[in-house]
């Protein structure tokens, strides 16, 4: 059984554990340029971009999302 975590809650968890990095939900114009709705950012540098599964991977790698949790957007 999987527990769901909202994108906002997952992003807060990530940013508390990685204060020098943040997960950004991109605007429509940014999405067109990047080709993805989310980006992992450090300072002014985009380190990675991807779909919701990428956000889950970033959170799992940071140790803030367990294997039994999935992220949902509202």
PDB file of N, CA and C in Angstrom:
ATOM      1  N   UNK A   1       0.833  -1.182   0.000  1.00  0.00           N
ATOM      2  CA  UNK A   1       0.000   0.000   0.000  1.00  0.00           C
ATOM      3  C   UNK A   1       0.878   1.246   0.000  1.00  0.00           C
ATOM      4  N   UNK A   2       0.487   2.208  -0.778  1.00  0.00           N
ATOM      5  CA  UNK A   2       1.261   3.427  -0.941  1.00  0.00           C
ATOM      6  C   UNK A   2       0.579   4.586  -0.218  1.00  0.00           C
ATOM      7  N   UNK A   3       1.364   5.395   0.425  1.00  0.00           N
ATOM      8  CA  UNK A   3       0.866   6.618   1.048  1.00  0.00           C
ATOM      9  C   UNK A   3       1.179   7.770   0.120  1.00  0.00           C
ATOM     10  N   UNK A   4       0.257   8.702   0.005  1.00  0.00           N
ATOM     11  CA  UNK A   4       0.502   9.851  -0.861  1.00  0.00           C
ATOM     12  C   UNK A   4       0.959  11.047  -0.034  1.00  0.00           C
ATOM     13  N   UNK A   5       1.817  11.831  -0.647  1.00  0.00           N
ATOM     14  CA  UNK A   5       2.347  13.054  -0.059  1.00  0.00           C
ATOM     15  C   UNK A   5       2.125  14.146  -1.098  1.00  0.00           C
ATOM     16  N   UNK A   6       1.642  15.296  -0.696  1.00  0.00           N
ATOM     17  CA  UNK A   6       1.442  16.369  -1.668  1.00  0.00           C
ATOM     18  C   UNK A   6       2.797  16.891  -2.139  1.00  0.00           C
ATOM     19  N   UNK A   7       2.798  17.455  -3.333  1.00  0.00           N
ATOM     20  CA  UNK A   7       4.018  18.046  -3.878  1.00  0.00           C
ATOM     21  C   UNK A   7       4.566  19.099  -2.921  1.00  0.00           C
ATOM     22  N   UNK A   8       3.683  19.928  -2.381  1.00  0.00           N
ATOM     23  CA  UNK A   8       4.109  20.997  -1.474  1.00  0.00           C
ATOM     24  C   UNK A   8       4.789  20.437  -0.231  1.00  0.00           C
ATOM     25  N   UNK A   9       4.221  19.389   0.344  1.00  0.00           N
ATOM     26  CA  UNK A   9       4.821  18.778   1.536  1.00  0.00           C
ATOM     27  C   UNK A   9       6.164  18.142   1.202  1.00  0.00           C
ATOM     28  N   UNK A  10       6.245  17.468   0.065  1.00  0.00           N
ATOM     29  CA  UNK A  10       7.512  16.846  -0.343  1.00  0.00           C
ATOM     30  C   UNK A  10       8.574  17.901  -0.585  1.00  0.00           C
ATOM     31  N   UNK A  11       8.196  19.004  -1.225  1.00  0.00           N
ATOM     32  CA  UNK A  11       9.151  20.083  -1.481  1.00  0.00           C
ATOM     33  C   UNK A  11       9.651  20.683  -0.162  1.00  0.00           C
ATOM     34  N   UNK A  12       8.751  20.866   0.800  1.00  0.00           N
ATOM     35  CA  UNK A  12       9.168  21.400   2.114  1.00  0.00           C
ATOM     36  C   UNK A  12      10.152  20.463   2.797  1.00  0.00           C
ATOM     37  N   UNK A  13       9.837  19.170   2.782  1.00  0.00           N
ATOM     38  CA  UNK A  13      10.754  18.184   3.374  1.00  0.00           C
ATOM     39  C   UNK A  13      12.135  18.271   2.717  1.00  0.00           C
ATOM     40  N   UNK A  14      12.134  18.312   1.383  1.00  0.00           N
ATOM     41  CA  UNK A  14      13.392  18.358   0.640  1.00  0.00           C
ATOM     42  C   UNK A  14      14.186  19.605   1.009  1.00  0.00           C
ATOM     43  N   UNK A  15      13.536  20.744   1.002  1.00  0.00           N
ATOM     44  CA  UNK A  15      14.233  22.013   1.239  1.00  0.00           C
ATOM     45  C   UNK A  15      14.718  22.161   2.675  1.00  0.00           C
ATOM     46  N   UNK A  16      14.067  21.501   3.626  1.00  0.00           N
ATOM     47  CA  UNK A  16      14.576  21.496   4.999  1.00  0.00           C
ATOM     48  C   UNK A  16      15.853  20.660   5.093  1.00  0.00           C
ATOM     49  N   UNK A  17      15.905  19.581   4.326  1.00  0.00           N
ATOM     50  CA  UNK A  17      17.081  18.704   4.384  1.00  0.00           C
ATOM     51  C   UNK A  17      18.211  19.172   3.470  1.00  0.00           C
ATOM     52  N   UNK A  18      17.895  19.970   2.469  1.00  0.00           N
ATOM     53  CA  UNK A  18      18.878  20.456   1.484  1.00  0.00           C
ATOM     54  C   UNK A  18      18.727  21.977   1.360  1.00  0.00           C
ATOM     55  N   UNK A  19      19.122  22.747   2.366  1.00  0.00           N
ATOM     56  CA  UNK A  19      18.829  24.182   2.348  1.00  0.00           C
ATOM     57  C   UNK A  19      19.463  24.955   1.185  1.00  0.00           C
ATOM     58  N   UNK A  20      20.484  24.395   0.558  1.00  0.00           N
ATOM     59  CA  UNK A  20      21.137  25.071  -0.561  1.00  0.00           C
ATOM     60  C   UNK A  20      20.493  24.732  -1.906  1.00  0.00           C
ATOM     61  N   UNK A  21      19.498  23.843  -1.902  1.00  0.00           N
ATOM     62  CA  UNK A  21      18.805  23.434  -3.125  1.00  0.00           C
ATOM     63  C   UNK A  21      17.302  23.594  -2.942  1.00  0.00           C
ATOM     64  N   UNK A  22      16.595  23.750  -4.067  1.00  0.00           N
ATOM     65  CA  UNK A  22      15.142  23.754  -3.998  1.00  0.00           C
ATOM     66  C   UNK A  22      14.552  23.122  -5.256  1.00  0.00           C
ATOM     67  N   UNK A  23      13.313  22.692  -5.126  1.00  0.00           N
ATOM     68  CA  UNK A  23      12.573  22.115  -6.236  1.00  0.00           C
ATOM     69  C   UNK A  23      11.587  23.171  -6.703  1.00  0.00           C
ATOM     70  N   UNK A  24      11.644  23.475  -7.978  1.00  0.00           N
ATOM     71  CA  UNK A  24      10.803  24.518  -8.543  1.00  0.00           C
ATOM     72  C   UNK A  24       9.740  23.919  -9.459  1.00  0.00           C
ATOM     73  N   UNK A  25       8.507  24.377  -9.293  1.00  0.00           N
ATOM     74  CA  UNK A  25       7.435  24.021 -10.226  1.00  0.00           C
ATOM     75  C   UNK A  25       7.441  25.123 -11.287  1.00  0.00           C
ATOM     76  N   UNK A  26       7.755  24.755 -12.508  1.00  0.00           N
ATOM     77  CA  UNK A  26       8.002  25.738 -13.556  1.00  0.00           C
ATOM     78  C   UNK A  26       6.713  26.319 -14.133  1.00  0.00           C
ATOM     79  N   UNK A  27       6.823  27.566 -14.589  1.00  0.00           N
ATOM     80  CA  UNK A  27       5.699  28.219 -15.260  1.00  0.00           C
ATOM     81  C   UNK A  27       5.527  27.600 -16.655  1.00  0.00           C
ATOM     82  N   UNK A  28       4.427  27.912 -17.299  1.00  0.00           N
ATOM     83  CA  UNK A  28       4.164  27.367 -18.639  1.00  0.00           C
ATOM     84  C   UNK A  28       5.290  27.735 -19.612  1.00  0.00           C
ATOM     85  N   UNK A  29       5.748  28.973 -19.580  1.00  0.00           N
ATOM     86  CA  UNK A  29       6.828  29.403 -20.477  1.00  0.00           C
ATOM     87  C   UNK A  29       8.128  28.657 -20.166  1.00  0.00           C
ATOM     88  N   UNK A  30       8.421  28.490 -18.867  1.00  0.00           N
ATOM     89  CA  UNK A  30       9.629  27.752 -18.471  1.00  0.00           C
ATOM     90  C   UNK A  30       9.532  26.288 -18.879  1.00  0.00           C
ATOM     91  N   UNK A  31       8.344  25.716 -18.756  1.00  0.00           N
ATOM     92  CA  UNK A  31       8.138  24.315 -19.161  1.00  0.00           C
ATOM     93  C   UNK A  31       8.438  24.123 -20.637  1.00  0.00           C
ATOM     94  N   UNK A  32       7.991  25.068 -21.451  1.00  0.00           N
ATOM     95  CA  UNK A  32       8.237  24.963 -22.890  1.00  0.00           C
ATOM     96  C   UNK A  32       9.734  25.008 -23.177  1.00  0.00           C
ATOM     97  N   UNK A  33      10.458  25.859 -22.467  1.00  0.00           N
ATOM     98  CA  UNK A  33      11.903  25.968 -22.666  1.00  0.00           C
ATOM     99  C   UNK A  33      12.670  24.769 -22.142  1.00  0.00           C
ATOM    100  N   UNK A  34      12.265  24.253 -20.983  1.00  0.00           N
ATOM    101  CA  UNK A  34      12.961  23.137 -20.351  1.00  0.00           C
ATOM    102  C   UNK A  34      12.432  21.787 -20.826  1.00  0.00           C
ATOM    103  N   UNK A  35      11.171  21.743 -21.206  1.00  0.00           N
ATOM    104  CA  UNK A  35      10.556  20.487 -21.607  1.00  0.00           C
ATOM    105  C   UNK A  35      10.080  19.648 -20.437  1.00  0.00           C
ATOM    106  N   UNK A  36      10.105  20.204 -19.242  1.00  0.00           N
ATOM    107  CA  UNK A  36       9.702  19.487 -18.033  1.00  0.00           C
ATOM    108  C   UNK A  36       8.997  20.446 -17.082  1.00  0.00           C
ATOM    109  N   UNK A  37       8.098  19.915 -16.256  1.00  0.00           N
ATOM    110  CA  UNK A  37       7.366  20.792 -15.338  1.00  0.00           C
ATOM    111  C   UNK A  37       8.082  21.110 -14.026  1.00  0.00           C
ATOM    112  N   UNK A  38       9.160  20.377 -13.692  1.00  0.00           N
ATOM    113  CA  UNK A  38       9.853  20.586 -12.424  1.00  0.00           C
ATOM    114  C   UNK A  38      11.359  20.688 -12.644  1.00  0.00           C
ATOM    115  N   UNK A  39      12.021  21.447 -11.775  1.00  0.00           N
ATOM    116  CA  UNK A  39      13.476  21.585 -11.859  1.00  0.00           C
ATOM    117  C   UNK A  39      14.090  21.528 -10.463  1.00  0.00           C
ATOM    118  N   UNK A  40      15.264  20.935 -10.398  1.00  0.00           N
ATOM    119  CA  UNK A  40      16.066  20.919  -9.175  1.00  0.00           C
ATOM    120  C   UNK A  40      17.094  22.029  -9.337  1.00  0.00           C
ATOM    121  N   UNK A  41      17.073  22.995  -8.418  1.00  0.00           N
ATOM    122  CA  UNK A  41      17.864  24.212  -8.569  1.00  0.00           C
ATOM    123  C   UNK A  41      18.783  24.402  -7.373  1.00  0.00           C
ATOM    124  N   UNK A  42      20.021  24.801  -7.672  1.00  0.00           N
ATOM    125  CA  UNK A  42      20.975  25.189  -6.632  1.00  0.00           C
ATOM    126  C   UNK A  42      21.494  26.563  -7.007  1.00  0.00           C
ATOM    127  N   UNK A  43      21.209  27.546  -6.157  1.00  0.00           N
ATOM    128  CA  UNK A  43      21.549  28.923  -6.497  1.00  0.00           C
ATOM    129  C   UNK A  43      20.737  29.348  -7.713  1.00  0.00           C
ATOM    130  N   UNK A  44      21.426  29.745  -8.772  1.00  0.00           N
ATOM    131  CA  UNK A  44      20.754  30.100 -10.019  1.00  0.00           C
ATOM    132  C   UNK A  44      20.967  29.046 -11.097  1.00  0.00           C
ATOM    133  N   UNK A  45      21.421  27.856 -10.694  1.00  0.00           N
ATOM    134  CA  UNK A  45      21.762  26.806 -11.645  1.00  0.00           C
ATOM    135  C   UNK A  45      20.747  25.669 -11.583  1.00  0.00           C
ATOM    136  N   UNK A  46      20.206  25.310 -12.734  1.00  0.00           N
ATOM    137  CA  UNK A  46      19.320  24.153 -12.827  1.00  0.00           C
ATOM    138  C   UNK A  46      20.198  22.911 -12.900  1.00  0.00           C
ATOM    139  N   UNK A  47      20.085  22.043 -11.896  1.00  0.00           N
ATOM    140  CA  UNK A  47      20.885  20.824 -11.845  1.00  0.00           C
ATOM    141  C   UNK A  47      20.246  19.685 -12.616  1.00  0.00           C
ATOM    142  N   UNK A  48      18.909  19.654 -12.629  1.00  0.00           N
ATOM    143  CA  UNK A  48      18.175  18.577 -13.283  1.00  0.00           C
ATOM    144  C   UNK A  48      16.755  19.067 -13.504  1.00  0.00           C
ATOM    145  N   UNK A  49      16.059  18.449 -14.418  1.00  0.00           N
ATOM    146  CA  UNK A  49      14.659  18.772 -14.665  1.00  0.00           C
ATOM    147  C   UNK A  49      13.935  17.476 -14.997  1.00  0.00           C
ATOM    148  N   UNK A  50      12.640  17.453 -14.723  1.00  0.00           N
ATOM    149  CA  UNK A  50      11.897  16.243 -15.027  1.00  0.00           C
ATOM    150  C   UNK A  50      10.445  16.321 -14.640  1.00  0.00           C
ATOM    151  N   UNK A  51       9.819  15.167 -14.770  1.00  0.00           N
ATOM    152  CA  UNK A  51       8.416  14.992 -14.424  1.00  0.00           C
ATOM    153  C   UNK A  51       8.301  14.702 -12.926  1.00  0.00           C
ATOM    154  N   UNK A  52       7.114  14.356 -12.487  1.00  0.00           N
ATOM    155  CA  UNK A  52       6.874  14.076 -11.068  1.00  0.00           C
ATOM    156  C   UNK A  52       7.742  12.920 -10.559  1.00  0.00           C
ATOM    157  N   UNK A  53       8.023  11.936 -11.408  1.00  0.00           N
ATOM    158  CA  UNK A  53       8.884  10.824 -10.980  1.00  0.00           C
ATOM    159  C   UNK A  53      10.297  11.300 -10.669  1.00  0.00           C
ATOM    160  N   UNK A  54      10.755  12.365 -11.329  1.00  0.00           N
ATOM    161  CA  UNK A  54      12.069  12.939 -11.016  1.00  0.00           C
ATOM    162  C   UNK A  54      12.039  13.590  -9.630  1.00  0.00           C
ATOM    163  N   UNK A  55      10.940  14.260  -9.304  1.00  0.00           N
ATOM    164  CA  UNK A  55      10.797  14.878  -7.971  1.00  0.00           C
ATOM    165  C   UNK A  55      10.852  13.785  -6.905  1.00  0.00           C
ATOM    166  N   UNK A  56      10.168  12.667  -7.149  1.00  0.00           N
ATOM    167  CA  UNK A  56      10.213  11.557  -6.197  1.00  0.00           C
ATOM    168  C   UNK A  56      11.643  11.037  -6.050  1.00  0.00           C
ATOM    169  N   UNK A  57      12.368  10.917  -7.149  1.00  0.00           N
ATOM    170  CA  UNK A  57      13.754  10.446  -7.092  1.00  0.00           C
ATOM    171  C   UNK A  57      14.622  11.416  -6.293  1.00  0.00           C
ATOM    172  N   UNK A  58      14.495  12.723  -6.541  1.00  0.00           N
ATOM    173  CA  UNK A  58      15.286  13.714  -5.799  1.00  0.00           C
ATOM    174  C   UNK A  58      14.992  13.622  -4.307  1.00  0.00           C
ATOM    175  N   UNK A  59      13.715  13.465  -3.957  1.00  0.00           N
ATOM    176  CA  UNK A  59      13.328  13.375  -2.548  1.00  0.00           C
ATOM    177  C   UNK A  59      13.833  12.079  -1.917  1.00  0.00           C
ATOM    178  N   UNK A  60      13.761  10.982  -2.647  1.00  0.00           N
ATOM    179  CA  UNK A  60      14.267   9.707  -2.110  1.00  0.00           C
ATOM    180  C   UNK A  60      15.779   9.773  -1.914  1.00  0.00           C
ATOM    181  N   UNK A  61      16.488  10.359  -2.888  1.00  0.00           N
ATOM    182  CA  UNK A  61      17.943  10.486  -2.766  1.00  0.00           C
ATOM    183  C   UNK A  61      18.316  11.361  -1.571  1.00  0.00           C
ATOM    184  N   UNK A  62      17.481  12.343  -1.244  1.00  0.00           N
ATOM    185  CA  UNK A  62      17.719  13.219  -0.092  1.00  0.00           C
ATOM    186  C   UNK A  62      17.283  12.562   1.212  1.00  0.00           C
ATOM    187  N   UNK A  63      16.616  11.402   1.115  1.00  0.00           N
ATOM    188  CA  UNK A  63      16.187  10.683   2.314  1.00  0.00           C
ATOM    189  C   UNK A  63      14.922  11.214   2.953  1.00  0.00           C
ATOM    190  N   UNK A  64      14.102  11.963   2.185  1.00  0.00           N
ATOM    191  CA  UNK A  64      12.902  12.556   2.777  1.00  0.00           C
ATOM    192  C   UNK A  64      11.608  11.945   2.260  1.00  0.00           C
ATOM    193  N   UNK A  65      11.713  10.904   1.411  1.00  0.00           N
ATOM    194  CA  UNK A  65      10.537  10.219   0.897  1.00  0.00           C
ATOM    195  C   UNK A  65      10.826   8.727   0.934  1.00  0.00           C
ATOM    196  N   UNK A  66       9.982   7.992   1.636  1.00  0.00           N
ATOM    197  CA  UNK A  66      10.207   6.552   1.744  1.00  0.00           C
ATOM    198  C   UNK A  66       9.730   5.843   0.478  1.00  0.00           C
ATOM    199  N   UNK A  67      10.124   4.605   0.327  1.00  0.00           N
ATOM    200  CA  UNK A  67       9.727   3.837  -0.864  1.00  0.00           C
ATOM    201  C   UNK A  67       8.222   3.597  -0.912  1.00  0.00           C
ATOM    202  N   UNK A  68       7.543   3.682   0.203  1.00  0.00           N
ATOM    203  CA  UNK A  68       6.099   3.479   0.243  1.00  0.00           C
ATOM    204  C   UNK A  68       5.293   4.743   0.014  1.00  0.00           C
ATOM    205  N   UNK A  69       5.956   5.854  -0.264  1.00  0.00           N
ATOM    206  CA  UNK A  69       5.262   7.115  -0.469  1.00  0.00           C
ATOM    207  C   UNK A  69       5.360   7.552  -1.932  1.00  0.00           C
ATOM    208  N   UNK A  70       4.277   8.137  -2.426  1.00  0.00           N
ATOM    209  CA  UNK A  70       4.265   8.724  -3.763  1.00  0.00           C
ATOM    210  C   UNK A  70       3.792  10.171  -3.651  1.00  0.00           C
ATOM    211  N   UNK A  71       4.254  10.987  -4.571  1.00  0.00           N
ATOM    212  CA  UNK A  71       3.912  12.406  -4.564  1.00  0.00           C
ATOM    213  C   UNK A  71       2.752  12.643  -5.535  1.00  0.00           C
ATOM    214  N   UNK A  72       1.798  13.446  -5.082  1.00  0.00           N
ATOM    215  CA  UNK A  72       0.674  13.838  -5.918  1.00  0.00           C
ATOM    216  C   UNK A  72       0.622  15.363  -6.001  1.00  0.00           C
ATOM    217  N   UNK A  73       0.150  15.856  -7.132  1.00  0.00           N
ATOM    218  CA  UNK A  73      -0.037  17.302  -7.276  1.00  0.00           C
ATOM    219  C   UNK A  73      -1.513  17.601  -7.146  1.00  0.00           C
ATOM    220  N   UNK A  74      -1.806  18.794  -6.682  1.00  0.00           N
ATOM    221  CA  UNK A  74      -3.193  19.142  -6.438  1.00  0.00           C
ATOM    222  C   UNK A  74      -3.719  19.962  -7.487  1.00  0.00           C
TER     223      UNK A  74
END
